[in-house]
Amino acid sequence: MDDEQDTPEGPFRASSPVPVYAQLADELQRQIEAGELSAGARLPGERDLARTYRVALGTARRAIQELRDRGLIVTTHGKGSFVQDR
C-alpha cells in the first residue's frame, strides 16, 4: 500500500521522519519565500488547508502553529493568519 498522499502542491509522506504537519509548514514556507504568498496575504483557514492538502484538521492547525513559531505568520483572533512582513 502506498502511504503517499498526492496534493496539488506535492506529496506528503506519512512514513517520513518529518511529521506531516512540518511537511505542510515547509510547503507553506516555500510559498512564502517564493512570493506566492506575499507579506500581508491572508492564509486559507485551517479547514480549507486541511481540505486542499488532504490532511487532518489537527495537522493543518499544527502547521499554522509551526509557521507562527518560525515567525513567518501572525494570527489575529477572528480575522485569520497573515504572512508576516519581513
N, C-alpha and C. Protein backbone atom coordinates (compact mmCIF):
# COMPACT_ATOMS: atom_id res chain seq x y z
N MET A 1 0.85 -1.19 0.00
CA MET A 1 0.00 0.00 0.00
C MET A 1 0.89 1.24 0.00
N ASP A 2 0.57 2.20 -0.81
CA ASP A 2 1.33 3.44 -0.92
C ASP A 2 0.81 4.41 0.12
N ASP A 3 1.73 4.96 0.97
CA ASP A 3 1.31 5.89 2.01
C ASP A 3 1.48 7.34 1.58
N GLU A 4 1.73 7.55 0.32
CA GLU A 4 1.91 8.91 -0.20
C GLU A 4 0.55 9.52 -0.50
N GLN A 5 0.37 10.78 -0.09
CA GLN A 5 -0.86 11.50 -0.39
C GLN A 5 -0.53 12.53 -1.45
N ASP A 6 -1.10 12.38 -2.64
CA ASP A 6 -0.87 13.37 -3.67
C ASP A 6 -1.75 14.58 -3.43
N THR A 7 -1.15 15.76 -3.46
CA THR A 7 -1.87 17.00 -3.29
C THR A 7 -1.55 17.89 -4.47
N PRO A 8 -2.26 18.99 -4.64
CA PRO A 8 -1.96 19.87 -5.76
C PRO A 8 -0.53 20.40 -5.72
N GLU A 9 0.05 20.54 -4.54
CA GLU A 9 1.38 21.10 -4.42
C GLU A 9 2.46 20.04 -4.31
N GLY A 10 2.10 18.81 -4.06
CA GLY A 10 3.10 17.76 -3.95
C GLY A 10 2.72 16.77 -2.86
N PRO A 11 3.41 15.66 -2.82
CA PRO A 11 3.06 14.61 -1.87
C PRO A 11 3.61 14.87 -0.46
N PHE A 12 2.85 14.45 0.53
CA PHE A 12 3.33 14.40 1.91
C PHE A 12 3.47 12.93 2.24
N ARG A 13 4.54 12.58 2.90
CA ARG A 13 4.78 11.17 3.20
C ARG A 13 4.62 10.91 4.68
N ALA A 14 3.62 10.10 5.02
CA ALA A 14 3.38 9.74 6.42
C ALA A 14 4.55 8.93 6.98
N SER A 15 5.28 8.22 6.12
CA SER A 15 6.39 7.39 6.58
C SER A 15 7.68 8.19 6.77
N SER A 16 7.67 9.46 6.40
CA SER A 16 8.86 10.31 6.55
C SER A 16 9.16 10.53 8.02
N PRO A 17 10.44 10.71 8.37
CA PRO A 17 10.77 11.05 9.75
C PRO A 17 10.30 12.46 10.11
N VAL A 18 9.98 13.26 9.10
CA VAL A 18 9.45 14.61 9.31
C VAL A 18 7.93 14.49 9.43
N PRO A 19 7.36 14.96 10.55
CA PRO A 19 5.90 14.86 10.70
C PRO A 19 5.16 15.58 9.57
N VAL A 20 3.96 15.09 9.25
CA VAL A 20 3.18 15.67 8.15
C VAL A 20 2.91 17.15 8.39
N TYR A 21 2.64 17.56 9.65
CA TYR A 21 2.39 18.99 9.90
C TYR A 21 3.61 19.82 9.54
N ALA A 22 4.82 19.30 9.79
CA ALA A 22 6.04 20.03 9.44
C ALA A 22 6.25 20.06 7.93
N GLN A 23 5.86 18.97 7.24
CA GLN A 23 5.94 18.96 5.78
C GLN A 23 5.01 20.02 5.19
N LEU A 24 3.81 20.14 5.76
CA LEU A 24 2.87 21.16 5.29
C LEU A 24 3.41 22.55 5.60
N ALA A 25 3.94 22.74 6.80
CA ALA A 25 4.53 24.04 7.15
C ALA A 25 5.69 24.37 6.21
N ASP A 26 6.51 23.38 5.88
CA ASP A 26 7.61 23.60 4.94
C ASP A 26 7.10 24.03 3.57
N GLU A 27 6.00 23.41 3.11
CA GLU A 27 5.42 23.77 1.81
C GLU A 27 4.90 25.20 1.85
N LEU A 28 4.21 25.57 2.92
CA LEU A 28 3.69 26.94 3.02
C LEU A 28 4.84 27.94 3.14
N GLN A 29 5.90 27.56 3.86
CA GLN A 29 7.07 28.43 3.96
C GLN A 29 7.71 28.62 2.58
N ARG A 30 7.75 27.54 1.80
CA ARG A 30 8.30 27.64 0.44
C ARG A 30 7.49 28.64 -0.37
N GLN A 31 6.15 28.58 -0.24
CA GLN A 31 5.29 29.50 -0.98
C GLN A 31 5.52 30.94 -0.54
N ILE A 32 5.74 31.14 0.76
CA ILE A 32 6.01 32.49 1.27
C ILE A 32 7.34 32.99 0.72
N GLU A 33 8.37 32.16 0.79
CA GLU A 33 9.70 32.57 0.33
C GLU A 33 9.75 32.78 -1.18
N ALA A 34 8.90 32.05 -1.92
CA ALA A 34 8.85 32.20 -3.38
C ALA A 34 8.00 33.39 -3.80
N GLY A 35 7.33 34.02 -2.83
CA GLY A 35 6.48 35.17 -3.16
C GLY A 35 5.09 34.78 -3.62
N GLU A 36 4.78 33.49 -3.57
CA GLU A 36 3.43 33.05 -3.94
C GLU A 36 2.42 33.51 -2.89
N LEU A 37 2.87 33.63 -1.65
CA LEU A 37 2.10 34.22 -0.56
C LEU A 37 2.92 35.42 -0.09
N SER A 38 2.48 36.61 -0.43
CA SER A 38 3.27 37.80 -0.14
C SER A 38 2.95 38.37 1.24
N ALA A 39 3.79 39.28 1.71
CA ALA A 39 3.60 39.92 3.01
C ALA A 39 2.20 40.50 3.09
N GLY A 40 1.53 40.22 4.17
CA GLY A 40 0.17 40.71 4.38
C GLY A 40 -0.91 39.81 3.82
N ALA A 41 -0.52 38.82 3.01
CA ALA A 41 -1.51 37.91 2.42
C ALA A 41 -2.16 37.07 3.52
N ARG A 42 -3.44 36.85 3.40
CA ARG A 42 -4.17 36.02 4.34
C ARG A 42 -4.05 34.57 3.90
N LEU A 43 -3.66 33.72 4.84
CA LEU A 43 -3.61 32.29 4.55
C LEU A 43 -5.01 31.73 4.56
N PRO A 44 -5.24 30.64 3.83
CA PRO A 44 -6.54 29.98 3.92
C PRO A 44 -6.77 29.53 5.36
N GLY A 45 -8.01 29.39 5.74
CA GLY A 45 -8.34 28.89 7.07
C GLY A 45 -7.88 27.46 7.25
N GLU A 46 -7.83 27.02 8.51
CA GLU A 46 -7.37 25.67 8.81
C GLU A 46 -8.19 24.61 8.10
N ARG A 47 -9.49 24.77 8.06
CA ARG A 47 -10.34 23.78 7.39
C ARG A 47 -10.05 23.75 5.89
N ASP A 48 -9.84 24.91 5.30
CA ASP A 48 -9.52 24.97 3.87
C ASP A 48 -8.16 24.33 3.59
N LEU A 49 -7.18 24.59 4.45
CA LEU A 49 -5.87 23.96 4.28
C LEU A 49 -5.99 22.45 4.39
N ALA A 50 -6.74 21.99 5.38
CA ALA A 50 -6.91 20.54 5.56
C ALA A 50 -7.55 19.91 4.33
N ARG A 51 -8.55 20.58 3.79
CA ARG A 51 -9.25 20.06 2.61
C ARG A 51 -8.33 20.10 1.38
N THR A 52 -7.65 21.22 1.17
CA THR A 52 -6.79 21.37 -0.01
C THR A 52 -5.65 20.35 -0.02
N TYR A 53 -5.01 20.17 1.14
CA TYR A 53 -3.85 19.30 1.22
C TYR A 53 -4.18 17.89 1.70
N ARG A 54 -5.48 17.64 1.89
CA ARG A 54 -5.96 16.33 2.31
C ARG A 54 -5.22 15.81 3.54
N VAL A 55 -5.23 16.65 4.57
CA VAL A 55 -4.67 16.28 5.87
C VAL A 55 -5.75 16.50 6.92
N ALA A 56 -5.52 15.98 8.10
CA ALA A 56 -6.46 16.17 9.20
C ALA A 56 -6.46 17.63 9.65
N LEU A 57 -7.58 18.05 10.20
CA LEU A 57 -7.69 19.42 10.70
C LEU A 57 -6.60 19.72 11.74
N GLY A 58 -6.34 18.78 12.62
CA GLY A 58 -5.29 18.97 13.62
C GLY A 58 -3.91 19.15 13.00
N THR A 59 -3.67 18.47 11.89
CA THR A 59 -2.40 18.61 11.17
C THR A 59 -2.28 20.01 10.61
N ALA A 60 -3.34 20.52 10.01
CA ALA A 60 -3.34 21.89 9.48
C ALA A 60 -3.13 22.89 10.61
N ARG A 61 -3.79 22.66 11.73
CA ARG A 61 -3.67 23.54 12.89
C ARG A 61 -2.23 23.59 13.38
N ARG A 62 -1.59 22.42 13.46
CA ARG A 62 -0.19 22.37 13.91
C ARG A 62 0.74 23.03 12.91
N ALA A 63 0.45 22.91 11.63
CA ALA A 63 1.28 23.56 10.61
C ALA A 63 1.21 25.08 10.77
N ILE A 64 0.02 25.60 11.03
CA ILE A 64 -0.14 27.04 11.25
C ILE A 64 0.64 27.46 12.49
N GLN A 65 0.55 26.67 13.56
CA GLN A 65 1.32 26.98 14.78
C GLN A 65 2.82 26.97 14.48
N GLU A 66 3.25 26.02 13.70
CA GLU A 66 4.67 25.93 13.32
C GLU A 66 5.12 27.18 12.58
N LEU A 67 4.29 27.66 11.66
CA LEU A 67 4.63 28.89 10.93
C LEU A 67 4.69 30.09 11.87
N ARG A 68 3.80 30.13 12.86
CA ARG A 68 3.87 31.20 13.87
C ARG A 68 5.17 31.10 14.65
N ASP A 69 5.52 29.88 15.05
CA ASP A 69 6.76 29.66 15.80
C ASP A 69 7.99 30.06 14.99
N ARG A 70 7.92 29.89 13.69
CA ARG A 70 9.03 30.26 12.81
C ARG A 70 9.05 31.77 12.53
N GLY A 71 8.02 32.48 12.99
CA GLY A 71 7.96 33.92 12.79
C GLY A 71 7.54 34.33 11.39
N LEU A 72 6.90 33.41 10.66
CA LEU A 72 6.51 33.68 9.28
C LEU A 72 5.11 34.26 9.15
N ILE A 73 4.26 33.97 10.13
CA ILE A 73 2.89 34.47 10.07
C ILE A 73 2.48 35.01 11.43
N VAL A 74 1.44 35.82 11.41
CA VAL A 74 0.79 36.27 12.64
C VAL A 74 -0.69 35.92 12.51
N THR A 75 -1.29 35.59 13.64
CA THR A 75 -2.70 35.24 13.66
C THR A 75 -3.45 36.24 14.51
N THR A 76 -4.50 36.80 13.95
CA THR A 76 -5.35 37.73 14.66
C THR A 76 -6.68 37.04 14.92
N HIS A 77 -7.03 36.92 16.19
CA HIS A 77 -8.26 36.22 16.56
C HIS A 77 -9.46 36.83 15.82
N GLY A 78 -10.21 35.96 15.17
CA GLY A 78 -11.40 36.40 14.46
C GLY A 78 -11.15 36.92 13.05
N LYS A 79 -9.89 37.08 12.68
CA LYS A 79 -9.58 37.60 11.34
C LYS A 79 -8.80 36.62 10.48
N GLY A 80 -7.93 35.84 11.08
CA GLY A 80 -7.17 34.86 10.32
C GLY A 80 -5.69 34.98 10.53
N SER A 81 -4.94 34.24 9.72
CA SER A 81 -3.48 34.22 9.76
C SER A 81 -2.94 34.93 8.53
N PHE A 82 -1.93 35.74 8.75
CA PHE A 82 -1.39 36.58 7.68
C PHE A 82 0.12 36.43 7.62
N VAL A 83 0.67 36.50 6.41
CA VAL A 83 2.11 36.44 6.21
C VAL A 83 2.74 37.67 6.85
N GLN A 84 3.73 37.41 7.68
CA GLN A 84 4.45 38.47 8.39
C GLN A 84 5.29 39.29 7.41
N ASP A 85 5.30 40.59 7.60
CA ASP A 85 6.15 41.45 6.79
C ASP A 85 7.58 41.25 7.26
N ARG A 86 8.47 40.97 6.34
CA ARG A 86 9.87 40.71 6.73
C ARG A 86 10.63 41.95 6.56
